[in-house]
Amino acid sequence: MSTDIPDESFTEEPFTEEDGVLYEEEVAPQHGVLGFTIRELLIVAIWLVMFITSFFPIGWSAAIWTQGIAWILPLGVPTVAVFLIVLRRFSPDGIRRVGSLGIDQFASVAFSVAAVWWIQQLWQYIAAMSQTGTSLNIWVPWVQVVALLVLVVLTVFAPIIPGLRDDFRGRLVTLAHRNANPVRPVIARPRPERPVASPAAADEELAAIDDAFVDDTTHDADQPALDESLPLTEHASGGALGTAPELDDDYVPGYARSSRGDDETGEMIGQPFWVLAPTERDVFDETGEAVFRVGPEAWVLVIEDRGGSYLVRHDDGRVGYLHDIADITKG
């Protein structure tokens, strides 16, 4: 049992507010209006302009709502994204992900896809107008394109824009969805090894070895005289018959001089182990919610070491992630 110092590779870059906070009590409230941030209010306002103008004729056809399911990508998916952004403020513990995407990530994808759809429709109209020479008074597609480009800026590029990036600072850090984790490396499936038959020529060469190369003569070594030989007891003990050798205090038997510490350490890598936290600490699930606590009164089993956190299991079978692994005692 020993207390291990955290790996230096995880302490070279300090954990700042830009990255987030580890505990819910460390989350600082953000200033806003009506329970929403300025960025979220801008998203709702621009979406409202898009939704109202969608009921007007496009120019080359009636309103987009009358074209079957053509409204799903340009209006339906962005509407769902805005709804989730609003719902997140009224129900923080509600829907947090769409698949493996967070709400802000889903909104970025939704607005980007809708913007490409409207740009493609506008491009087709301009190409047809240049071929036929006719001109129609269209303004709805232009409004939709401009509005969606602004929404893309408010979602995709917001983390790097001053004033808007405050929405992404100081958030509670949670583990990524399992579908968003890095993929495992892929290697080729090993092929079964076929036994290599020994060539028949090898047997023929061995059978054809000349007997001249084989020396059958028995050689007797010269034995020392009986009185010149060293008695066995004297050779082993270094003294008279029946005496025991005198050993130094720092003498270590040969069989005890080798150490397997390095091998055992290598074998423990990737294996479950027990840890003891010096203080009470929360264990979180994938959604970032605390499921149980660990502390100095009981050891807890670590199923997997994920670098900056431990995947631990409670005595009752619950599993969660321990983020704060500083000063952890390993058993």
C-alpha atoms as a PDB file:
ATOM      1  CA  MET A   1       0.000   0.000   0.000  1.00  0.00           C
ATOM      2  CA  SER A   2       1.454   3.349  -1.036  1.00  0.00           C
ATOM      3  CA  THR A   3       0.474   6.871  -1.904  1.00  0.00           C
ATOM      4  CA  ASP A   4       1.294   7.579  -5.557  1.00  0.00           C
ATOM      5  CA  ILE A   5       2.067  11.052  -6.855  1.00  0.00           C
ATOM      6  CA  PRO A   6      -0.111  12.019  -9.849  1.00  0.00           C
ATOM      7  CA  ASP A   7       1.558  11.670 -13.229  1.00  0.00           C
ATOM      8  CA  GLU A   8       3.359  14.817 -14.319  1.00  0.00           C
ATOM      9  CA  SER A   9       1.749  14.593 -17.756  1.00  0.00           C
ATOM     10  CA  PHE A  10      -1.575  15.515 -16.155  1.00  0.00           C
ATOM     11  CA  THR A  11      -0.198  18.410 -14.109  1.00  0.00           C
ATOM     12  CA  GLU A  12       1.821  20.221 -16.760  1.00  0.00           C
ATOM     13  CA  GLU A  13      -1.230  22.174 -17.955  1.00  0.00           C
ATOM     14  CA  PRO A  14      -3.189  23.741 -15.058  1.00  0.00           C
ATOM     15  CA  PHE A  15      -6.952  23.212 -14.932  1.00  0.00           C
ATOM     16  CA  THR A  16      -8.539  26.641 -15.442  1.00  0.00           C
ATOM     17  CA  GLU A  17     -12.046  28.051 -15.575  1.00  0.00           C
ATOM     18  CA  GLU A  18     -11.801  27.908 -19.372  1.00  0.00           C
ATOM     19  CA  ASP A  19     -11.956  24.125 -19.099  1.00  0.00           C
ATOM     20  CA  GLY A  20     -14.720  24.040 -16.476  1.00  0.00           C
ATOM     21  CA  VAL A  21     -15.168  23.131 -12.816  1.00  0.00           C
ATOM     22  CA  LEU A  22     -15.209  19.709 -11.183  1.00  0.00           C
ATOM     23  CA  TYR A  23     -17.870  20.225  -8.502  1.00  0.00           C
ATOM     24  CA  GLU A  24     -21.407  21.543  -8.756  1.00  0.00           C
ATOM     25  CA  GLU A  25     -20.926  23.914  -5.821  1.00  0.00           C
ATOM     26  CA  GLU A  26     -18.118  25.619  -7.761  1.00  0.00           C
ATOM     27  CA  VAL A  27     -20.398  26.596 -10.664  1.00  0.00           C
ATOM     28  CA  ALA A  28     -20.791  30.403 -10.622  1.00  0.00           C
ATOM     29  CA  PRO A  29     -24.138  31.889 -11.798  1.00  0.00           C
ATOM     30  CA  GLN A  30     -24.105  33.824 -15.060  1.00  0.00           C
ATOM     31  CA  HIS A  31     -25.756  37.191 -15.614  1.00  0.00           C
ATOM     32  CA  GLY A  32     -28.651  37.306 -18.059  1.00  0.00           C
ATOM     33  CA  VAL A  33     -32.197  38.440 -18.779  1.00  0.00           C
ATOM     34  CA  LEU A  34     -35.368  36.474 -17.939  1.00  0.00           C
ATOM     35  CA  GLY A  35     -33.301  33.451 -16.986  1.00  0.00           C
ATOM     36  CA  PHE A  36     -31.472  33.338 -20.339  1.00  0.00           C
ATOM     37  CA  THR A  37     -28.078  34.569 -21.488  1.00  0.00           C
ATOM     38  CA  ILE A  38     -27.726  37.194 -24.203  1.00  0.00           C
ATOM     39  CA  ARG A  39     -26.599  34.537 -26.680  1.00  0.00           C
ATOM     40  CA  GLU A  40     -29.625  32.364 -25.983  1.00  0.00           C
ATOM     41  CA  LEU A  41     -31.999  35.323 -26.334  1.00  0.00           C
ATOM     42  CA  LEU A  42     -30.438  36.179 -29.705  1.00  0.00           C
ATOM     43  CA  ILE A  43     -30.899  32.586 -30.863  1.00  0.00           C
ATOM     44  CA  VAL A  44     -34.587  32.614 -29.899  1.00  0.00           C
ATOM     45  CA  ALA A  45     -35.186  36.018 -31.533  1.00  0.00           C
ATOM     46  CA  ILE A  46     -33.542  35.049 -34.831  1.00  0.00           C
ATOM     47  CA  TRP A  47     -35.388  31.742 -34.893  1.00  0.00           C
ATOM     48  CA  LEU A  48     -38.660  33.649 -34.411  1.00  0.00           C
ATOM     49  CA  VAL A  49     -37.877  35.735 -37.514  1.00  0.00           C
ATOM     50  CA  MET A  50     -37.182  32.542 -39.480  1.00  0.00           C
ATOM     51  CA  PHE A  51     -40.385  30.893 -38.309  1.00  0.00           C
ATOM     52  CA  ILE A  52     -42.622  33.866 -39.171  1.00  0.00           C
ATOM     53  CA  THR A  53     -41.121  34.432 -42.638  1.00  0.00           C
ATOM     54  CA  SER A  54     -41.471  30.731 -43.471  1.00  0.00           C
ATOM     55  CA  PHE A  55     -45.242  31.228 -43.930  1.00  0.00           C
ATOM     56  CA  PHE A  56     -44.659  33.616 -46.853  1.00  0.00           C
ATOM     57  CA  PRO A  57     -44.264  32.352 -50.437  1.00  0.00           C
ATOM     58  CA  ILE A  58     -40.697  31.508 -51.321  1.00  0.00           C
ATOM     59  CA  GLY A  59     -40.962  33.210 -54.715  1.00  0.00           C
ATOM     60  CA  TRP A  60     -40.799  30.325 -57.150  1.00  0.00           C
ATOM     61  CA  SER A  61     -43.392  28.334 -55.186  1.00  0.00           C
ATOM     62  CA  ALA A  62     -45.768  28.571 -52.254  1.00  0.00           C
ATOM     63  CA  ALA A  63     -44.682  28.533 -48.609  1.00  0.00           C
ATOM     64  CA  ILE A  64     -42.287  25.797 -47.653  1.00  0.00           C
ATOM     65  CA  TRP A  65     -44.864  24.232 -45.322  1.00  0.00           C
ATOM     66  CA  THR A  66     -46.899  23.181 -48.399  1.00  0.00           C
ATOM     67  CA  GLN A  67     -44.042  21.213 -50.013  1.00  0.00           C
ATOM     68  CA  GLY A  68     -44.480  17.871 -48.294  1.00  0.00           C
ATOM     69  CA  ILE A  69     -41.615  17.046 -45.928  1.00  0.00           C
ATOM     70  CA  ALA A  70     -39.241  19.615 -47.423  1.00  0.00           C
ATOM     71  CA  TRP A  71     -39.580  21.712 -44.239  1.00  0.00           C
ATOM     72  CA  ILE A  72     -37.857  19.154 -41.965  1.00  0.00           C
ATOM     73  CA  LEU A  73     -34.226  20.140 -42.594  1.00  0.00           C
ATOM     74  CA  PRO A  74     -34.564  23.927 -43.109  1.00  0.00           C
ATOM     75  CA  LEU A  75     -37.099  24.583 -40.318  1.00  0.00           C
ATOM     76  CA  GLY A  76     -38.010  21.448 -38.369  1.00  0.00           C
ATOM     77  CA  VAL A  77     -34.564  20.487 -37.076  1.00  0.00           C
ATOM     78  CA  PRO A  78     -33.586  24.094 -36.149  1.00  0.00           C
ATOM     79  CA  THR A  79     -36.899  24.452 -34.294  1.00  0.00           C
ATOM     80  CA  VAL A  80     -36.117  21.324 -32.247  1.00  0.00           C
ATOM     81  CA  ALA A  81     -32.670  22.744 -31.422  1.00  0.00           C
ATOM     82  CA  VAL A  82     -34.128  26.047 -30.188  1.00  0.00           C
ATOM     83  CA  PHE A  83     -36.744  24.165 -28.160  1.00  0.00           C
ATOM     84  CA  LEU A  84     -34.012  22.149 -26.399  1.00  0.00           C
ATOM     85  CA  ILE A  85     -32.032  25.321 -25.626  1.00  0.00           C
ATOM     86  CA  VAL A  86     -35.109  26.845 -23.974  1.00  0.00           C
ATOM     87  CA  LEU A  87     -36.025  23.588 -22.210  1.00  0.00           C
ATOM     88  CA  ARG A  88     -32.525  23.355 -20.751  1.00  0.00           C
ATOM     89  CA  ARG A  89     -33.124  26.523 -18.706  1.00  0.00           C
ATOM     90  CA  PHE A  90     -36.511  25.429 -17.367  1.00  0.00           C
ATOM     91  CA  SER A  91     -35.467  21.817 -16.710  1.00  0.00           C
ATOM     92  CA  PRO A  92     -31.696  21.515 -16.132  1.00  0.00           C
ATOM     93  CA  ASP A  93     -32.008  17.809 -15.327  1.00  0.00           C
ATOM     94  CA  GLY A  94     -34.083  17.069 -18.434  1.00  0.00           C
ATOM     95  CA  ILE A  95     -32.781  16.258 -21.903  1.00  0.00           C
ATOM     96  CA  ARG A  96     -29.045  16.887 -21.986  1.00  0.00           C
ATOM     97  CA  ARG A  97     -28.032  15.088 -25.166  1.00  0.00           C
ATOM     98  CA  VAL A  98     -29.330  14.194 -28.604  1.00  0.00           C
ATOM     99  CA  GLY A  99     -27.602  10.909 -29.278  1.00  0.00           C
ATOM    100  CA  SER A 100     -23.963  11.519 -28.412  1.00  0.00           C
ATOM    101  CA  LEU A 101     -24.215  15.293 -29.040  1.00  0.00           C
ATOM    102  CA  GLY A 102     -24.763  17.913 -26.364  1.00  0.00           C
ATOM    103  CA  ILE A 103     -27.532  20.464 -26.892  1.00  0.00           C
ATOM    104  CA  ASP A 104     -25.143  23.178 -28.105  1.00  0.00           C
ATOM    105  CA  GLN A 105     -23.442  20.698 -30.428  1.00  0.00           C
ATOM    106  CA  PHE A 106     -26.784  19.561 -31.825  1.00  0.00           C
ATOM    107  CA  ALA A 107     -27.819  23.188 -32.394  1.00  0.00           C
ATOM    108  CA  SER A 108     -24.567  23.857 -34.272  1.00  0.00           C
ATOM    109  CA  VAL A 109     -25.200  20.898 -36.578  1.00  0.00           C
ATOM    110  CA  ALA A 110     -28.886  21.776 -37.076  1.00  0.00           C
ATOM    111  CA  PHE A 111     -28.247  25.420 -38.018  1.00  0.00           C
ATOM    112  CA  SER A 112     -25.334  24.491 -40.311  1.00  0.00           C
ATOM    113  CA  VAL A 113     -27.390  21.895 -42.213  1.00  0.00           C
ATOM    114  CA  ALA A 114     -30.335  24.290 -42.574  1.00  0.00           C
ATOM    115  CA  ALA A 115     -28.033  27.057 -43.860  1.00  0.00           C
ATOM    116  CA  VAL A 116     -26.575  24.740 -46.516  1.00  0.00           C
ATOM    117  CA  TRP A 117     -30.102  23.692 -47.573  1.00  0.00           C
ATOM    118  CA  TRP A 118     -31.252  27.290 -48.114  1.00  0.00           C
ATOM    119  CA  ILE A 119     -28.011  28.246 -49.907  1.00  0.00           C
ATOM    120  CA  GLN A 120     -28.471  25.305 -52.274  1.00  0.00           C
ATOM    121  CA  GLN A 121     -32.081  26.327 -53.030  1.00  0.00           C
ATOM    122  CA  LEU A 122     -31.015  29.922 -53.638  1.00  0.00           C
ATOM    123  CA  TRP A 123     -28.184  28.790 -55.908  1.00  0.00           C
ATOM    124  CA  GLN A 124     -30.588  26.733 -58.017  1.00  0.00           C
ATOM    125  CA  TYR A 125     -32.926  29.712 -58.378  1.00  0.00           C
ATOM    126  CA  ILE A 126     -30.106  32.055 -59.455  1.00  0.00           C
ATOM    127  CA  ALA A 127     -28.892  29.486 -62.010  1.00  0.00           C
ATOM    128  CA  ALA A 128     -32.416  29.063 -63.436  1.00  0.00           C
ATOM    129  CA  MET A 129     -32.919  32.825 -63.561  1.00  0.00           C
ATOM    130  CA  SER A 130     -29.674  33.304 -65.528  1.00  0.00           C
ATOM    131  CA  GLN A 131     -30.738  30.656 -68.061  1.00  0.00           C
ATOM    132  CA  THR A 132     -34.309  31.855 -68.609  1.00  0.00           C
ATOM    133  CA  GLY A 133     -33.685  35.558 -68.200  1.00  0.00           C
ATOM    134  CA  THR A 134     -36.707  35.953 -65.936  1.00  0.00           C
ATOM    135  CA  SER A 135     -36.634  37.617 -62.561  1.00  0.00           C
ATOM    136  CA  LEU A 136     -38.894  37.081 -59.588  1.00  0.00           C
ATOM    137  CA  ASN A 137     -39.162  39.154 -56.467  1.00  0.00           C
ATOM    138  CA  ILE A 138     -37.890  36.762 -53.797  1.00  0.00           C
ATOM    139  CA  TRP A 139     -36.840  37.802 -50.330  1.00  0.00           C
ATOM    140  CA  VAL A 140     -37.770  34.891 -48.056  1.00  0.00           C
ATOM    141  CA  PRO A 141     -34.749  32.710 -49.023  1.00  0.00           C
ATOM    142  CA  TRP A 142     -32.380  35.633 -48.462  1.00  0.00           C
ATOM    143  CA  VAL A 143     -33.838  36.268 -44.996  1.00  0.00           C
ATOM    144  CA  GLN A 144     -33.540  32.578 -44.141  1.00  0.00           C
ATOM    145  CA  VAL A 145     -29.918  32.382 -45.317  1.00  0.00           C
ATOM    146  CA  VAL A 146     -28.836  35.492 -43.402  1.00  0.00           C
ATOM    147  CA  ALA A 147     -30.669  34.383 -40.235  1.00  0.00           C
ATOM    148  CA  LEU A 148     -29.138  30.907 -40.334  1.00  0.00           C
ATOM    149  CA  LEU A 149     -25.640  32.259 -40.909  1.00  0.00           C
ATOM    150  CA  VAL A 150     -26.056  34.397 -37.793  1.00  0.00           C
ATOM    151  CA  LEU A 151     -27.227  31.316 -35.869  1.00  0.00           C
ATOM    152  CA  VAL A 152     -24.144  29.425 -37.066  1.00  0.00           C
ATOM    153  CA  VAL A 153     -21.973  32.227 -35.679  1.00  0.00           C
ATOM    154  CA  LEU A 154     -23.853  32.125 -32.342  1.00  0.00           C
ATOM    155  CA  THR A 155     -23.285  28.376 -31.976  1.00  0.00           C
ATOM    156  CA  VAL A 156     -20.295  27.144 -33.975  1.00  0.00           C
ATOM    157  CA  PHE A 157     -18.025  30.172 -33.511  1.00  0.00           C
ATOM    158  CA  ALA A 158     -19.384  31.430 -30.166  1.00  0.00           C
ATOM    159  CA  PRO A 159     -16.609  29.793 -28.051  1.00  0.00           C
ATOM    160  CA  ILE A 160     -13.993  32.034 -29.733  1.00  0.00           C
ATOM    161  CA  ILE A 161     -15.986  35.292 -29.885  1.00  0.00           C
ATOM    162  CA  PRO A 162     -15.501  37.699 -26.940  1.00  0.00           C
ATOM    163  CA  GLY A 163     -18.732  38.270 -25.035  1.00  0.00           C
ATOM    164  CA  LEU A 164     -20.304  35.060 -26.365  1.00  0.00           C
ATOM    165  CA  ARG A 165     -17.669  32.639 -25.119  1.00  0.00           C
ATOM    166  CA  ASP A 166     -18.683  33.368 -21.515  1.00  0.00           C
ATOM    167  CA  ASP A 167     -21.559  30.917 -22.060  1.00  0.00           C
ATOM    168  CA  PHE A 168     -19.036  28.082 -22.301  1.00  0.00           C
ATOM    169  CA  ARG A 169     -16.730  29.047 -19.412  1.00  0.00           C
ATOM    170  CA  GLY A 170     -17.015  27.647 -15.888  1.00  0.00           C
ATOM    171  CA  ARG A 171     -19.358  24.809 -16.830  1.00  0.00           C
ATOM    172  CA  LEU A 172     -19.494  21.614 -14.792  1.00  0.00           C
ATOM    173  CA  VAL A 173     -17.128  19.076 -16.333  1.00  0.00           C
ATOM    174  CA  THR A 174     -18.744  15.735 -17.188  1.00  0.00           C
ATOM    175  CA  LEU A 175     -17.449  12.718 -19.060  1.00  0.00           C
ATOM    176  CA  ALA A 176     -18.294  12.415 -22.729  1.00  0.00           C
ATOM    177  CA  HIS A 177     -20.966  10.045 -23.954  1.00  0.00           C
ATOM    178  CA  ARG A 178     -19.575   6.586 -24.641  1.00  0.00           C
ATOM    179  CA  ASN A 179     -20.243   7.059 -28.375  1.00  0.00           C
ATOM    180  CA  ALA A 180     -18.102  10.222 -28.295  1.00  0.00           C
ATOM    181  CA  ASN A 181     -15.103   8.568 -26.655  1.00  0.00           C
ATOM    182  CA  PRO A 182     -11.964   7.919 -28.750  1.00  0.00           C
ATOM    183  CA  VAL A 183     -12.177   4.781 -30.858  1.00  0.00           C
ATOM    184  CA  ARG A 184     -10.032   1.762 -30.153  1.00  0.00           C
ATOM    185  CA  PRO A 185      -7.083   0.966 -32.435  1.00  0.00           C
ATOM    186  CA  VAL A 186      -7.724  -1.556 -35.198  1.00  0.00           C
ATOM    187  CA  ILE A 187      -5.285  -4.348 -36.013  1.00  0.00           C
ATOM    188  CA  ALA A 188      -5.395  -7.147 -38.553  1.00  0.00           C
ATOM    189  CA  ARG A 189      -6.929 -10.404 -37.394  1.00  0.00           C
ATOM    190  CA  PRO A 190      -4.119 -12.901 -36.748  1.00  0.00           C
ATOM    191  CA  ARG A 191      -4.009 -15.775 -39.210  1.00  0.00           C
ATOM    192  CA  PRO A 192      -3.563 -19.329 -37.919  1.00  0.00           C
ATOM    193  CA  GLU A 193       0.008 -20.488 -38.345  1.00  0.00           C
ATOM    194  CA  ARG A 194       0.428 -23.474 -40.604  1.00  0.00           C
ATOM    195  CA  PRO A 195       2.961 -26.121 -39.525  1.00  0.00           C
ATOM    196  CA  VAL A 196       6.035 -26.003 -41.744  1.00  0.00           C
ATOM    197  CA  ALA A 197       6.982 -29.483 -42.923  1.00  0.00           C
ATOM    198  CA  SER A 198      10.683 -30.247 -42.667  1.00  0.00           C
ATOM    199  CA  PRO A 199      12.185 -30.760 -46.133  1.00  0.00           C
ATOM    200  CA  ALA A 200      13.126 -34.301 -47.020  1.00  0.00           C
ATOM    201  CA  ALA A 201      16.493 -33.114 -48.239  1.00  0.00           C
ATOM    202  CA  ALA A 202      17.478 -32.234 -44.674  1.00  0.00           C
ATOM    203  CA  ASP A 203      17.059 -35.842 -43.578  1.00  0.00           C
ATOM    204  CA  GLU A 204      19.146 -37.053 -46.485  1.00  0.00           C
ATOM    205  CA  GLU A 205      21.963 -34.662 -45.620  1.00  0.00           C
ATOM    206  CA  LEU A 206      21.978 -35.793 -41.994  1.00  0.00           C
ATOM    207  CA  ALA A 207      22.115 -39.443 -43.059  1.00  0.00           C
ATOM    208  CA  ALA A 208      25.019 -38.757 -45.429  1.00  0.00           C
ATOM    209  CA  ILE A 209      27.342 -37.291 -42.767  1.00  0.00           C
ATOM    210  CA  ASP A 210      30.745 -38.967 -42.976  1.00  0.00           C
ATOM    211  CA  ASP A 211      31.645 -41.136 -40.006  1.00  0.00           C
ATOM    212  CA  ALA A 212      35.079 -39.527 -40.024  1.00  0.00           C
ATOM    213  CA  PHE A 213      33.625 -36.443 -38.374  1.00  0.00           C
ATOM    214  CA  VAL A 214      32.352 -38.484 -35.420  1.00  0.00           C
ATOM    215  CA  ASP A 215      34.941 -39.150 -32.684  1.00  0.00           C
ATOM    216  CA  ASP A 216      34.043 -42.338 -30.815  1.00  0.00           C
ATOM    217  CA  THR A 217      37.225 -42.339 -28.688  1.00  0.00           C
ATOM    218  CA  THR A 218      36.724 -42.184 -24.945  1.00  0.00           C
ATOM    219  CA  HIS A 219      38.969 -39.660 -23.235  1.00  0.00           C
ATOM    220  CA  ASP A 220      39.756 -40.103 -19.547  1.00  0.00           C
ATOM    221  CA  ALA A 221      40.594 -36.968 -17.635  1.00  0.00           C
ATOM    222  CA  ASP A 222      43.535 -36.992 -15.250  1.00  0.00           C
ATOM    223  CA  GLN A 223      42.235 -37.351 -11.702  1.00  0.00           C
ATOM    224  CA  PRO A 224      44.128 -35.670  -8.835  1.00  0.00           C
ATOM    225  CA  ALA A 225      45.670 -37.750  -6.141  1.00  0.00           C
ATOM    226  CA  LEU A 226      43.521 -38.678  -3.192  1.00  0.00           C
ATOM    227  CA  ASP A 227      45.615 -36.765  -0.728  1.00  0.00           C
ATOM    228  CA  GLU A 228      45.633 -33.676  -2.933  1.00  0.00           C
ATOM    229  CA  SER A 229      41.898 -33.397  -3.213  1.00  0.00           C
ATOM    230  CA  LEU A 230      40.020 -30.956  -0.985  1.00  0.00           C
ATOM    231  CA  PRO A 231      37.638 -32.519   1.537  1.00  0.00           C
ATOM    232  CA  LEU A 232      34.014 -31.833   0.825  1.00  0.00           C
ATOM    233  CA  THR A 233      33.324 -30.405   4.262  1.00  0.00           C
ATOM    234  CA  GLU A 234      36.247 -28.077   4.167  1.00  0.00           C
ATOM    235  CA  HIS A 235      35.322 -26.882   0.694  1.00  0.00           C
ATOM    236  CA  ALA A 236      31.730 -26.135   1.635  1.00  0.00           C
ATOM    237  CA  SER A 237      32.243 -24.508   4.991  1.00  0.00           C
ATOM    238  CA  GLY A 238      35.714 -23.104   4.619  1.00  0.00           C
ATOM    239  CA  GLY A 239      36.745 -24.607   8.012  1.00  0.00           C
ATOM    240  CA  ALA A 240      37.219 -27.808   9.883  1.00  0.00           C
ATOM    241  CA  LEU A 241      34.834 -30.714   9.820  1.00  0.00           C
ATOM    242  CA  GLY A 242      31.558 -29.881  11.493  1.00  0.00           C
ATOM    243  CA  THR A 243      32.076 -26.109  11.557  1.00  0.00           C
ATOM    244  CA  ALA A 244      29.587 -23.649  10.080  1.00  0.00           C
ATOM    245  CA  PRO A 245      30.702 -20.791   7.824  1.00  0.00           C
ATOM    246  CA  GLU A 246      30.725 -17.268   9.240  1.00  0.00           C
ATOM    247  CA  LEU A 247      28.469 -14.978   7.240  1.00  0.00           C
ATOM    248  CA  ASP A 248      28.584 -11.202   7.058  1.00  0.00           C
ATOM    249  CA  ASP A 249      25.674  -9.184   8.458  1.00  0.00           C
ATOM    250  CA  ASP A 250      24.861  -7.744   5.036  1.00  0.00           C
ATOM    251  CA  TYR A 251      25.010 -11.094   3.295  1.00  0.00           C
ATOM    252  CA  VAL A 252      22.010 -11.797   1.057  1.00  0.00           C
ATOM    253  CA  PRO A 253      21.385 -15.264  -0.388  1.00  0.00           C
ATOM    254  CA  GLY A 254      21.690 -15.485  -4.158  1.00  0.00           C
ATOM    255  CA  TYR A 255      18.106 -16.595  -4.619  1.00  0.00           C
ATOM    256  CA  ALA A 256      16.868 -13.459  -2.780  1.00  0.00           C
ATOM    257  CA  ARG A 257      18.926 -10.907  -4.701  1.00  0.00           C
ATOM    258  CA  SER A 258      16.695 -10.681  -7.746  1.00  0.00           C
ATOM    259  CA  SER A 259      13.571  -8.549  -7.534  1.00  0.00           C
ATOM    260  CA  ARG A 260      10.383  -8.873  -9.489  1.00  0.00           C
ATOM    261  CA  GLY A 261       9.086  -5.453  -8.478  1.00  0.00           C
ATOM    262  CA  ASP A 262       9.257  -4.109 -12.016  1.00  0.00           C
ATOM    263  CA  ASP A 263       7.539  -7.166 -13.486  1.00  0.00           C
ATOM    264  CA  GLU A 264       4.787  -7.100 -10.890  1.00  0.00           C
ATOM    265  CA  THR A 265       4.238  -3.395 -11.494  1.00  0.00           C
ATOM    266  CA  GLY A 266       3.878  -4.028 -15.212  1.00  0.00           C
ATOM    267  CA  GLU A 267       1.428  -6.854 -14.570  1.00  0.00           C
ATOM    268  CA  MET A 268      -0.763  -4.598 -12.427  1.00  0.00           C
ATOM    269  CA  ILE A 269      -1.230  -2.084 -15.228  1.00  0.00           C
ATOM    270  CA  GLY A 270      -4.806  -2.273 -16.442  1.00  0.00           C
ATOM    271  CA  GLN A 271      -5.898  -4.553 -13.577  1.00  0.00           C
ATOM    272  CA  PRO A 272      -8.594  -3.595 -11.014  1.00  0.00           C
ATOM    273  CA  PHE A 273      -7.238  -2.294  -7.729  1.00  0.00           C
ATOM    274  CA  TRP A 274      -8.444  -0.800  -4.438  1.00  0.00           C
ATOM    275  CA  VAL A 275      -8.120   2.858  -3.497  1.00  0.00           C
ATOM    276  CA  LEU A 276      -8.812   4.890  -0.367  1.00  0.00           C
ATOM    277  CA  ALA A 277      -9.759   8.575  -0.554  1.00  0.00           C
ATOM    278  CA  PRO A 278      -8.448  10.756   2.311  1.00  0.00           C
ATOM    279  CA  THR A 279     -11.592  12.955   2.170  1.00  0.00           C
ATOM    280  CA  GLU A 280     -15.228  12.591   1.169  1.00  0.00           C
ATOM    281  CA  ARG A 281     -15.529  12.834  -2.629  1.00  0.00           C
ATOM    282  CA  ASP A 282     -18.419  12.550  -5.096  1.00  0.00           C
ATOM    283  CA  VAL A 283     -18.661   9.877  -7.775  1.00  0.00           C
ATOM    284  CA  PHE A 284     -20.571  10.924 -10.909  1.00  0.00           C
ATOM    285  CA  ASP A 285     -22.409   9.080 -13.655  1.00  0.00           C
ATOM    286  CA  GLU A 286     -22.219   9.832 -17.411  1.00  0.00           C
ATOM    287  CA  THR A 287     -24.687  12.707 -17.070  1.00  0.00           C
ATOM    288  CA  GLY A 288     -22.592  14.429 -14.398  1.00  0.00           C
ATOM    289  CA  GLU A 289     -24.963  13.627 -11.520  1.00  0.00           C
ATOM    290  CA  ALA A 290     -23.478  12.443  -8.227  1.00  0.00           C
ATOM    291  CA  VAL A 291     -24.526   8.824  -7.572  1.00  0.00           C
ATOM    292  CA  PHE A 292     -22.593   8.072  -4.366  1.00  0.00           C
ATOM    293  CA  ARG A 293     -19.625   9.217  -2.278  1.00  0.00           C
ATOM    294  CA  VAL A 294     -16.339   7.642  -1.265  1.00  0.00           C
ATOM    295  CA  GLY A 295     -14.206   8.541   1.719  1.00  0.00           C
ATOM    296  CA  PRO A 296     -11.602   7.426   4.231  1.00  0.00           C
ATOM    297  CA  GLU A 297     -13.921   5.031   6.031  1.00  0.00           C
ATOM    298  CA  ALA A 298     -13.954   2.338   3.318  1.00  0.00           C
ATOM    299  CA  TRP A 299     -11.923   1.141   0.366  1.00  0.00           C
ATOM    300  CA  VAL A 300     -13.449   1.277  -3.105  1.00  0.00           C
ATOM    301  CA  LEU A 301     -12.692  -0.914  -6.132  1.00  0.00           C
ATOM    302  CA  VAL A 302     -11.312   0.801  -9.267  1.00  0.00           C
ATOM    303  CA  ILE A 303     -12.433  -1.067 -12.392  1.00  0.00           C
ATOM    304  CA  GLU A 304     -10.500   1.071 -14.885  1.00  0.00           C
ATOM    305  CA  ASP A 305      -7.925   3.868 -14.713  1.00  0.00           C
ATOM    306  CA  ARG A 306      -8.847   6.458 -17.368  1.00  0.00           C
ATOM    307  CA  GLY A 307      -5.918   8.774 -16.778  1.00  0.00           C
ATOM    308  CA  GLY A 308      -7.574  11.802 -15.184  1.00  0.00           C
ATOM    309  CA  SER A 309     -10.358   9.816 -13.493  1.00  0.00           C
ATOM    310  CA  TYR A 310     -11.207   6.387 -12.079  1.00  0.00           C
ATOM    311  CA  LEU A 311     -14.138   4.146 -12.998  1.00  0.00           C
ATOM    312  CA  VAL A 312     -15.138   2.829  -9.548  1.00  0.00           C
ATOM    313  CA  ARG A 313     -17.787   0.397  -8.280  1.00  0.00           C
ATOM    314  CA  HIS A 314     -19.774   0.680  -5.061  1.00  0.00           C
ATOM    315  CA  ASP A 315     -20.454  -2.274  -2.780  1.00  0.00           C
ATOM    316  CA  ASP A 316     -24.078  -2.351  -3.979  1.00  0.00           C
ATOM    317  CA  GLY A 317     -23.044  -2.603  -7.641  1.00  0.00           C
ATOM    318  CA  ARG A 318     -23.380   1.039  -8.683  1.00  0.00           C
ATOM    319  CA  VAL A 319     -20.682   2.307 -11.047  1.00  0.00           C
ATOM    320  CA  GLY A 320     -19.467   5.882 -11.514  1.00  0.00           C
ATOM    321  CA  TYR A 321     -16.518   8.144 -12.284  1.00  0.00           C
ATOM    322  CA  LEU A 322     -14.234   9.611  -9.606  1.00  0.00           C
ATOM    323  CA  HIS A 323     -12.705  12.811 -11.034  1.00  0.00           C
ATOM    324  CA  ASP A 324     -10.769  14.025  -7.978  1.00  0.00           C
ATOM    325  CA  ILE A 325      -7.975  11.454  -7.674  1.00  0.00           C
ATOM    326  CA  ALA A 326      -5.414  13.643  -5.910  1.00  0.00           C
ATOM    327  CA  ASP A 327      -3.736  12.062  -2.837  1.00  0.00           C
ATOM    328  CA  ILE A 328      -5.476   8.737  -3.481  1.00  0.00           C
ATOM    329  CA  THR A 329      -3.995   5.764  -1.614  1.00  0.00           C
ATOM    330  CA  LYS A 330      -3.710   2.628  -3.734  1.00  0.00           C
ATOM    331  CA  GLY A 331      -3.898  -0.821  -2.225  1.00  0.00           C
END
